[in-house]
Amino acid sequence: MAPQRKLIVLDRDGVINYDSDDYIKSPAEWVPLPGSLEAIARLCGAGFEVYVVSNQAGIGRGLVAAEEVERIHAKMRAAVKAAGGCLHGIYYCPHHPADRCACRKPNTGLLLELKAAAGLKSFAGVPLIGDKPSDLELAARVGARGILVLSGKGRETAAELPSRATETFRDLDEAVTVLLGEARA
């Protein structure tokens, strides 16, 4: 019997890197959160496939060009690689929220694209780590394991939640420590 694939899906802004209400518009503005790159490297070292799924409405709002977002992602990939990790894929929605597209989180379009590209059967139980309500709602819609981090907009999101039933961690590093502990158990 083939070993089961271990996957994890991460939001970008507020989880891997600092977020900005003015959007991350250039590689210079993309700054990793403390411990995030090392956490991704630890996941990769433990055999996880790491994917990023992100809303990038700055493109649809005309604040940043898609080519610049690609340069930001190239910087992120290089930084993850320098830390010893690997990103298996980056999927993002470039649309304005008013476009009502199928890919803007919490809609499932980006995960359906990832699912097809990676040959997945389902997202059941796959950790999906984010800092916004749209991340948690997306996880619920596809049966993934929604995990909230308090970095980025996470504290505001936690204050909005009706209960503390959502798994919540200080940041990506703490969430990864727990997930890797479970994987070893």
C-alpha atoms as a PDB file:
ATOM      1  CA  MET A   1       0.000   0.000   0.000  1.00  0.00           C
ATOM      2  CA  ALA A   2       1.389   3.420  -0.978  1.00  0.00           C
ATOM      3  CA  PRO A   3       2.018   5.872   1.854  1.00  0.00           C
ATOM      4  CA  GLN A   4      -0.609   8.585   2.262  1.00  0.00           C
ATOM      5  CA  ARG A   5       0.431  12.014   0.982  1.00  0.00           C
ATOM      6  CA  LYS A   6       0.849  14.689   3.603  1.00  0.00           C
ATOM      7  CA  LEU A   7      -0.345  18.082   2.437  1.00  0.00           C
ATOM      8  CA  ILE A   8      -0.800  21.476   4.020  1.00  0.00           C
ATOM      9  CA  VAL A   9      -2.335  24.646   2.594  1.00  0.00           C
ATOM     10  CA  LEU A  10      -1.202  28.068   3.815  1.00  0.00           C
ATOM     11  CA  ASP A  11      -2.562  31.542   3.307  1.00  0.00           C
ATOM     12  CA  ARG A  12       0.181  34.015   2.368  1.00  0.00           C
ATOM     13  CA  ASP A  13      -0.289  37.476   3.886  1.00  0.00           C
ATOM     14  CA  GLY A  14      -0.455  37.362   7.672  1.00  0.00           C
ATOM     15  CA  VAL A  15       0.658  33.725   7.831  1.00  0.00           C
ATOM     16  CA  ILE A  16       3.956  33.542   5.936  1.00  0.00           C
ATOM     17  CA  ASN A  17       4.702  37.248   5.645  1.00  0.00           C
ATOM     18  CA  TYR A  18       3.633  40.501   7.236  1.00  0.00           C
ATOM     19  CA  ASP A  19       0.296  41.780   5.942  1.00  0.00           C
ATOM     20  CA  SER A  20      -0.510  45.350   4.968  1.00  0.00           C
ATOM     21  CA  ASP A  21      -3.844  47.142   4.659  1.00  0.00           C
ATOM     22  CA  ASP A  22      -2.206  48.859   1.655  1.00  0.00           C
ATOM     23  CA  TYR A  23      -1.385  45.469   0.066  1.00  0.00           C
ATOM     24  CA  ILE A  24       2.016  43.937  -0.568  1.00  0.00           C
ATOM     25  CA  LYS A  25       2.881  45.575  -3.884  1.00  0.00           C
ATOM     26  CA  SER A  26       6.547  44.768  -4.477  1.00  0.00           C
ATOM     27  CA  PRO A  27       9.187  42.218  -3.517  1.00  0.00           C
ATOM     28  CA  ALA A  28      10.698  44.843  -1.179  1.00  0.00           C
ATOM     29  CA  GLU A  29       7.413  44.968   0.757  1.00  0.00           C
ATOM     30  CA  TRP A  30       7.298  41.176   1.138  1.00  0.00           C
ATOM     31  CA  VAL A  31       8.856  40.474   4.550  1.00  0.00           C
ATOM     32  CA  PRO A  32       8.545  37.023   6.166  1.00  0.00           C
ATOM     33  CA  LEU A  33       7.134  36.719   9.656  1.00  0.00           C
ATOM     34  CA  PRO A  34       9.634  35.472  12.261  1.00  0.00           C
ATOM     35  CA  GLY A  35       9.892  31.692  12.136  1.00  0.00           C
ATOM     36  CA  SER A  36       7.595  31.221   9.132  1.00  0.00           C
ATOM     37  CA  LEU A  37      10.272  30.176   6.629  1.00  0.00           C
ATOM     38  CA  GLU A  38      11.818  27.769   9.111  1.00  0.00           C
ATOM     39  CA  ALA A  39       8.374  26.319   9.855  1.00  0.00           C
ATOM     40  CA  ILE A  40       7.825  25.635   6.147  1.00  0.00           C
ATOM     41  CA  ALA A  41      11.273  24.025   5.965  1.00  0.00           C
ATOM     42  CA  ARG A  42      10.359  21.766   8.899  1.00  0.00           C
ATOM     43  CA  LEU A  43       7.146  20.731   7.137  1.00  0.00           C
ATOM     44  CA  CYS A  44       9.069  19.886   3.979  1.00  0.00           C
ATOM     45  CA  GLY A  45      11.661  17.976   5.981  1.00  0.00           C
ATOM     46  CA  ALA A  46       8.840  15.896   7.464  1.00  0.00           C
ATOM     47  CA  GLY A  47       7.516  15.026   4.003  1.00  0.00           C
ATOM     48  CA  PHE A  48       4.678  17.541   3.693  1.00  0.00           C
ATOM     49  CA  GLU A  49       3.758  19.088   0.354  1.00  0.00           C
ATOM     50  CA  VAL A  50       3.253  22.798   1.072  1.00  0.00           C
ATOM     51  CA  TYR A  51       0.839  24.852  -1.030  1.00  0.00           C
ATOM     52  CA  VAL A  52      -0.062  28.546  -0.794  1.00  0.00           C
ATOM     53  CA  VAL A  53      -3.588  29.782  -1.568  1.00  0.00           C
ATOM     54  CA  SER A  54      -4.116  33.532  -1.423  1.00  0.00           C
ATOM     55  CA  ASN A  55      -6.475  36.333  -2.395  1.00  0.00           C
ATOM     56  CA  GLN A  56      -4.552  39.090  -4.177  1.00  0.00           C
ATOM     57  CA  ALA A  57      -7.238  41.717  -4.766  1.00  0.00           C
ATOM     58  CA  GLY A  58      -4.559  44.373  -5.212  1.00  0.00           C
ATOM     59  CA  ILE A  59      -4.338  43.171  -8.819  1.00  0.00           C
ATOM     60  CA  GLY A  60      -8.062  43.622  -9.446  1.00  0.00           C
ATOM     61  CA  ARG A  61      -7.982  46.988  -7.695  1.00  0.00           C
ATOM     62  CA  GLY A  62      -5.196  48.159 -10.031  1.00  0.00           C
ATOM     63  CA  LEU A  63      -2.704  48.606  -7.173  1.00  0.00           C
ATOM     64  CA  VAL A  64      -0.224  45.972  -8.295  1.00  0.00           C
ATOM     65  CA  ALA A  65       0.429  44.222 -11.614  1.00  0.00           C
ATOM     66  CA  ALA A  66       0.169  40.452 -11.875  1.00  0.00           C
ATOM     67  CA  GLU A  67       3.819  40.399 -13.007  1.00  0.00           C
ATOM     68  CA  GLU A  68       4.826  42.110  -9.764  1.00  0.00           C
ATOM     69  CA  VAL A  69       2.914  39.500  -7.744  1.00  0.00           C
ATOM     70  CA  GLU A  70       4.865  36.847  -9.654  1.00  0.00           C
ATOM     71  CA  ARG A  71       8.114  38.607  -8.631  1.00  0.00           C
ATOM     72  CA  ILE A  72       6.902  38.648  -5.017  1.00  0.00           C
ATOM     73  CA  HIS A  73       6.233  34.920  -5.259  1.00  0.00           C
ATOM     74  CA  ALA A  74       9.671  34.324  -6.768  1.00  0.00           C
ATOM     75  CA  LYS A  75      11.192  36.096  -3.757  1.00  0.00           C
ATOM     76  CA  MET A  76       9.031  34.006  -1.397  1.00  0.00           C
ATOM     77  CA  ARG A  77      10.048  30.758  -3.117  1.00  0.00           C
ATOM     78  CA  ALA A  78      13.725  31.734  -2.942  1.00  0.00           C
ATOM     79  CA  ALA A  79      13.448  32.648   0.735  1.00  0.00           C
ATOM     80  CA  VAL A  80      11.706  29.345   1.538  1.00  0.00           C
ATOM     81  CA  LYS A  81      14.373  27.453  -0.441  1.00  0.00           C
ATOM     82  CA  ALA A  82      17.185  29.299   1.355  1.00  0.00           C
ATOM     83  CA  ALA A  83      15.620  28.188   4.660  1.00  0.00           C
ATOM     84  CA  GLY A  84      15.628  24.570   3.450  1.00  0.00           C
ATOM     85  CA  GLY A  85      12.007  24.273   2.330  1.00  0.00           C
ATOM     86  CA  CYS A  86       9.974  24.043  -0.849  1.00  0.00           C
ATOM     87  CA  LEU A  87       6.620  25.363  -2.012  1.00  0.00           C
ATOM     88  CA  HIS A  88       4.829  22.820  -4.197  1.00  0.00           C
ATOM     89  CA  GLY A  89       2.444  25.386  -5.636  1.00  0.00           C
ATOM     90  CA  ILE A  90       1.106  28.915  -5.266  1.00  0.00           C
ATOM     91  CA  TYR A  91      -2.486  29.644  -6.261  1.00  0.00           C
ATOM     92  CA  TYR A  92      -3.977  33.114  -6.045  1.00  0.00           C
ATOM     93  CA  CYS A  93      -7.102  35.009  -6.969  1.00  0.00           C
ATOM     94  CA  PRO A  94      -6.321  38.241  -8.859  1.00  0.00           C
ATOM     95  CA  HIS A  95      -9.899  39.521  -8.898  1.00  0.00           C
ATOM     96  CA  HIS A  96     -11.580  42.490  -7.267  1.00  0.00           C
ATOM     97  CA  PRO A  97     -14.052  41.361  -4.572  1.00  0.00           C
ATOM     98  CA  ALA A  98     -16.938  42.861  -6.594  1.00  0.00           C
ATOM     99  CA  ASP A  99     -16.137  40.503  -9.499  1.00  0.00           C
ATOM    100  CA  ARG A 100     -17.850  37.632  -7.667  1.00  0.00           C
ATOM    101  CA  CYS A 101     -15.443  35.108  -9.152  1.00  0.00           C
ATOM    102  CA  ALA A 102     -15.303  31.440  -8.208  1.00  0.00           C
ATOM    103  CA  CYS A 103     -11.696  31.618  -7.026  1.00  0.00           C
ATOM    104  CA  ARG A 104     -11.785  34.347  -4.349  1.00  0.00           C
ATOM    105  CA  LYS A 105     -11.653  32.759  -0.909  1.00  0.00           C
ATOM    106  CA  PRO A 106     -13.907  31.562   0.667  1.00  0.00           C
ATOM    107  CA  ASN A 107     -15.049  30.259  -2.740  1.00  0.00           C
ATOM    108  CA  THR A 108     -13.455  26.952  -3.619  1.00  0.00           C
ATOM    109  CA  GLY A 109     -12.057  27.662  -7.116  1.00  0.00           C
ATOM    110  CA  LEU A 110      -8.396  27.889  -6.076  1.00  0.00           C
ATOM    111  CA  LEU A 111      -8.577  24.641  -4.126  1.00  0.00           C
ATOM    112  CA  LEU A 112     -10.353  22.911  -7.014  1.00  0.00           C
ATOM    113  CA  GLU A 113      -7.505  24.036  -9.276  1.00  0.00           C
ATOM    114  CA  LEU A 114      -4.925  22.761  -6.773  1.00  0.00           C
ATOM    115  CA  LYS A 115      -6.844  19.502  -6.384  1.00  0.00           C
ATOM    116  CA  ALA A 116      -6.822  18.855 -10.137  1.00  0.00           C
ATOM    117  CA  ALA A 117      -3.173  19.842 -10.598  1.00  0.00           C
ATOM    118  CA  ALA A 118      -1.991  17.714  -7.672  1.00  0.00           C
ATOM    119  CA  GLY A 119      -4.253  14.755  -8.446  1.00  0.00           C
ATOM    120  CA  LEU A 120      -5.972  14.851  -5.061  1.00  0.00           C
ATOM    121  CA  LYS A 121      -9.155  13.003  -4.210  1.00  0.00           C
ATOM    122  CA  SER A 122     -10.229  15.384  -1.426  1.00  0.00           C
ATOM    123  CA  PHE A 123      -9.095  17.888   1.170  1.00  0.00           C
ATOM    124  CA  ALA A 124     -10.604  15.913   4.050  1.00  0.00           C
ATOM    125  CA  GLY A 125      -8.477  16.564   7.123  1.00  0.00           C
ATOM    126  CA  VAL A 126      -5.817  18.556   5.245  1.00  0.00           C
ATOM    127  CA  PRO A 127      -4.621  21.445   7.455  1.00  0.00           C
ATOM    128  CA  LEU A 128      -5.493  24.839   5.989  1.00  0.00           C
ATOM    129  CA  ILE A 129      -3.827  27.604   7.986  1.00  0.00           C
ATOM    130  CA  GLY A 130      -4.997  31.177   7.733  1.00  0.00           C
ATOM    131  CA  ASP A 131      -5.609  34.388   9.627  1.00  0.00           C
ATOM    132  CA  LYS A 132      -8.949  35.519   8.192  1.00  0.00           C
ATOM    133  CA  PRO A 133     -12.558  34.301   8.343  1.00  0.00           C
ATOM    134  CA  SER A 134     -12.414  33.522   4.592  1.00  0.00           C
ATOM    135  CA  ASP A 135      -9.628  30.989   5.248  1.00  0.00           C
ATOM    136  CA  LEU A 136     -11.653  29.200   7.916  1.00  0.00           C
ATOM    137  CA  GLU A 137     -14.813  29.258   5.802  1.00  0.00           C
ATOM    138  CA  LEU A 138     -12.906  27.822   2.832  1.00  0.00           C
ATOM    139  CA  ALA A 139     -11.568  25.024   5.021  1.00  0.00           C
ATOM    140  CA  ALA A 140     -15.092  24.208   6.195  1.00  0.00           C
ATOM    141  CA  ARG A 141     -16.441  24.191   2.626  1.00  0.00           C
ATOM    142  CA  VAL A 142     -13.942  21.551   1.455  1.00  0.00           C
ATOM    143  CA  GLY A 143     -13.715  19.474   4.640  1.00  0.00           C
ATOM    144  CA  ALA A 144     -10.200  20.647   5.449  1.00  0.00           C
ATOM    145  CA  ARG A 145      -8.891  21.179   8.965  1.00  0.00           C
ATOM    146  CA  GLY A 146      -9.189  24.925   9.484  1.00  0.00           C
ATOM    147  CA  ILE A 147      -6.473  26.364  11.699  1.00  0.00           C
ATOM    148  CA  LEU A 148      -6.308  30.004  12.763  1.00  0.00           C
ATOM    149  CA  VAL A 149      -3.052  31.803  13.497  1.00  0.00           C
ATOM    150  CA  LEU A 150      -3.107  35.016  15.528  1.00  0.00           C
ATOM    151  CA  SER A 151      -0.510  36.707  13.332  1.00  0.00           C
ATOM    152  CA  GLY A 152      -1.737  39.036  10.593  1.00  0.00           C
ATOM    153  CA  LYS A 153      -5.480  39.608  11.016  1.00  0.00           C
ATOM    154  CA  GLY A 154      -5.813  36.557  13.267  1.00  0.00           C
ATOM    155  CA  ARG A 155      -6.529  38.428  16.495  1.00  0.00           C
ATOM    156  CA  GLU A 156      -9.394  40.310  14.840  1.00  0.00           C
ATOM    157  CA  THR A 157     -10.687  37.041  13.385  1.00  0.00           C
ATOM    158  CA  ALA A 158     -10.519  35.308  16.771  1.00  0.00           C
ATOM    159  CA  ALA A 159     -12.549  38.122  18.329  1.00  0.00           C
ATOM    160  CA  GLU A 160     -15.271  37.568  15.695  1.00  0.00           C
ATOM    161  CA  LEU A 161     -15.544  33.813  16.186  1.00  0.00           C
ATOM    162  CA  PRO A 162     -18.651  32.617  18.022  1.00  0.00           C
ATOM    163  CA  SER A 163     -16.651  30.107  20.054  1.00  0.00           C
ATOM    164  CA  ARG A 164     -13.101  28.966  20.692  1.00  0.00           C
ATOM    165  CA  ALA A 165     -13.805  25.666  18.919  1.00  0.00           C
ATOM    166  CA  THR A 166     -11.419  26.666  16.122  1.00  0.00           C
ATOM    167  CA  GLU A 167      -7.855  25.448  16.553  1.00  0.00           C
ATOM    168  CA  THR A 168      -5.849  28.588  17.230  1.00  0.00           C
ATOM    169  CA  PHE A 169      -2.101  29.128  17.463  1.00  0.00           C
ATOM    170  CA  ARG A 170       0.145  32.141  18.001  1.00  0.00           C
ATOM    171  CA  ASP A 171       1.720  31.860  14.541  1.00  0.00           C
ATOM    172  CA  LEU A 172       2.721  29.429  11.802  1.00  0.00           C
ATOM    173  CA  ASP A 173       5.729  28.192  13.769  1.00  0.00           C
ATOM    174  CA  GLU A 174       3.576  27.131  16.734  1.00  0.00           C
ATOM    175  CA  ALA A 175       0.943  25.516  14.483  1.00  0.00           C
ATOM    176  CA  VAL A 176       3.627  23.540  12.632  1.00  0.00           C
ATOM    177  CA  THR A 177       5.182  22.368  15.904  1.00  0.00           C
ATOM    178  CA  VAL A 178       1.822  20.890  16.931  1.00  0.00           C
ATOM    179  CA  LEU A 179       1.130  19.354  13.505  1.00  0.00           C
ATOM    180  CA  LEU A 180       4.560  17.715  13.359  1.00  0.00           C
ATOM    181  CA  GLY A 181       4.071  16.376  16.872  1.00  0.00           C
ATOM    182  CA  GLU A 182       0.816  14.774  15.736  1.00  0.00           C
ATOM    183  CA  ALA A 183       2.488  13.326  12.638  1.00  0.00           C
ATOM    184  CA  ARG A 184       5.097  11.620  14.831  1.00  0.00           C
ATOM    185  CA  ALA A 185       2.503  10.207  17.236  1.00  0.00           C
END
